[in-house]
Amino acid sequence: MLENQQELIAAIRELLINRQNISAQNFKPETNIDELYKYKELLDEGVISEEEFNAKKVNF
């Protein structure tokens, strides 16, 4: 069971990331820019952190 608010936030975050990863497997972005926009949207929604976004951004 989840013991506190931080565990709940971490569990929800993990579920959202997993859902996004499954969706990403079924969709191939047309360009790197499209993929970057996808990660920016995740950042804006709070699903990924600034550090995670920057790590993805370096790959472009």
C-alpha atoms as a PDB file:
ATOM      1  CA  MET A   1       0.000   0.000   0.000  1.00  0.00           C
ATOM      2  CA  LEU A   2       0.993   3.583  -0.471  1.00  0.00           C
ATOM      3  CA  GLU A   3       2.134   5.139   2.775  1.00  0.00           C
ATOM      4  CA  ASN A   4       2.297   8.828   2.005  1.00  0.00           C
ATOM      5  CA  GLN A   5       1.749  11.570  -0.521  1.00  0.00           C
ATOM      6  CA  GLN A   6       5.236  11.233  -2.051  1.00  0.00           C
ATOM      7  CA  GLU A   7       4.676   7.544  -2.759  1.00  0.00           C
ATOM      8  CA  LEU A   8       1.328   8.349  -4.362  1.00  0.00           C
ATOM      9  CA  ILE A   9       2.897  11.030  -6.567  1.00  0.00           C
ATOM     10  CA  ALA A  10       5.703   8.668  -7.585  1.00  0.00           C
ATOM     11  CA  ALA A  11       3.239   5.888  -8.409  1.00  0.00           C
ATOM     12  CA  ILE A  12       1.049   8.180 -10.518  1.00  0.00           C
ATOM     13  CA  ARG A  13       4.096   9.572 -12.292  1.00  0.00           C
ATOM     14  CA  GLU A  14       5.319   6.061 -13.112  1.00  0.00           C
ATOM     15  CA  LEU A  15       1.896   5.077 -14.457  1.00  0.00           C
ATOM     16  CA  LEU A  16       1.770   8.165 -16.673  1.00  0.00           C
ATOM     17  CA  ILE A  17       5.263   7.573 -18.016  1.00  0.00           C
ATOM     18  CA  ASN A  18       4.448   3.931 -18.737  1.00  0.00           C
ATOM     19  CA  ARG A  19       1.261   4.956 -20.516  1.00  0.00           C
ATOM     20  CA  GLN A  20       3.175   7.488 -22.559  1.00  0.00           C
ATOM     21  CA  ASN A  21       5.838   4.916 -23.452  1.00  0.00           C
ATOM     22  CA  ILE A  22       3.192   2.478 -24.677  1.00  0.00           C
ATOM     23  CA  SER A  23       1.631   5.221 -26.800  1.00  0.00           C
ATOM     24  CA  ALA A  24       5.047   6.184 -28.140  1.00  0.00           C
ATOM     25  CA  GLN A  25       5.705   2.613 -29.237  1.00  0.00           C
ATOM     26  CA  ASN A  26       2.597   2.750 -31.397  1.00  0.00           C
ATOM     27  CA  PHE A  27       3.469   6.111 -32.927  1.00  0.00           C
ATOM     28  CA  LYS A  28       6.564   7.074 -34.853  1.00  0.00           C
ATOM     29  CA  PRO A  29       7.087  10.830 -34.965  1.00  0.00           C
ATOM     30  CA  GLU A  30       7.603  12.197 -38.444  1.00  0.00           C
ATOM     31  CA  THR A  31      10.584  14.250 -37.364  1.00  0.00           C
ATOM     32  CA  ASN A  32      12.835  14.828 -34.393  1.00  0.00           C
ATOM     33  CA  ILE A  33      11.003  18.111 -33.843  1.00  0.00           C
ATOM     34  CA  ASP A  34       7.734  16.203 -33.357  1.00  0.00           C
ATOM     35  CA  GLU A  35       9.399  13.995 -30.776  1.00  0.00           C
ATOM     36  CA  LEU A  36      10.881  16.996 -28.995  1.00  0.00           C
ATOM     37  CA  TYR A  37       7.418  18.600 -28.836  1.00  0.00           C
ATOM     38  CA  LYS A  38       6.104  15.381 -27.286  1.00  0.00           C
ATOM     39  CA  TYR A  39       8.712  15.560 -24.526  1.00  0.00           C
ATOM     40  CA  LYS A  40       8.044  19.274 -24.006  1.00  0.00           C
ATOM     41  CA  GLU A  41       4.375  18.484 -23.532  1.00  0.00           C
ATOM     42  CA  LEU A  42       5.263  15.859 -20.926  1.00  0.00           C
ATOM     43  CA  LEU A  43       7.459  18.412 -19.180  1.00  0.00           C
ATOM     44  CA  ASP A  44       4.678  21.005 -19.191  1.00  0.00           C
ATOM     45  CA  GLU A  45       2.232  18.448 -17.777  1.00  0.00           C
ATOM     46  CA  GLY A  46       4.666  17.599 -14.991  1.00  0.00           C
ATOM     47  CA  VAL A  47       5.041  13.984 -16.094  1.00  0.00           C
ATOM     48  CA  ILE A  48       8.795  14.303 -16.594  1.00  0.00           C
ATOM     49  CA  SER A  49      11.283  16.538 -14.847  1.00  0.00           C
ATOM     50  CA  GLU A  50      13.399  19.303 -16.354  1.00  0.00           C
ATOM     51  CA  GLU A  51      16.412  17.002 -16.063  1.00  0.00           C
ATOM     52  CA  GLU A  52      14.656  14.208 -17.959  1.00  0.00           C
ATOM     53  CA  PHE A  53      13.586  16.666 -20.663  1.00  0.00           C
ATOM     54  CA  ASN A  54      17.121  18.008 -21.009  1.00  0.00           C
ATOM     55  CA  ALA A  55      18.483  14.476 -21.303  1.00  0.00           C
ATOM     56  CA  LYS A  56      16.070  13.767 -24.154  1.00  0.00           C
ATOM     57  CA  LYS A  57      16.834  17.108 -25.771  1.00  0.00           C
ATOM     58  CA  VAL A  58      20.565  16.308 -25.925  1.00  0.00           C
ATOM     59  CA  ASN A  59      19.778  13.386 -28.246  1.00  0.00           C
ATOM     60  CA  PHE A  60      18.575  15.757 -30.974  1.00  0.00           C
END
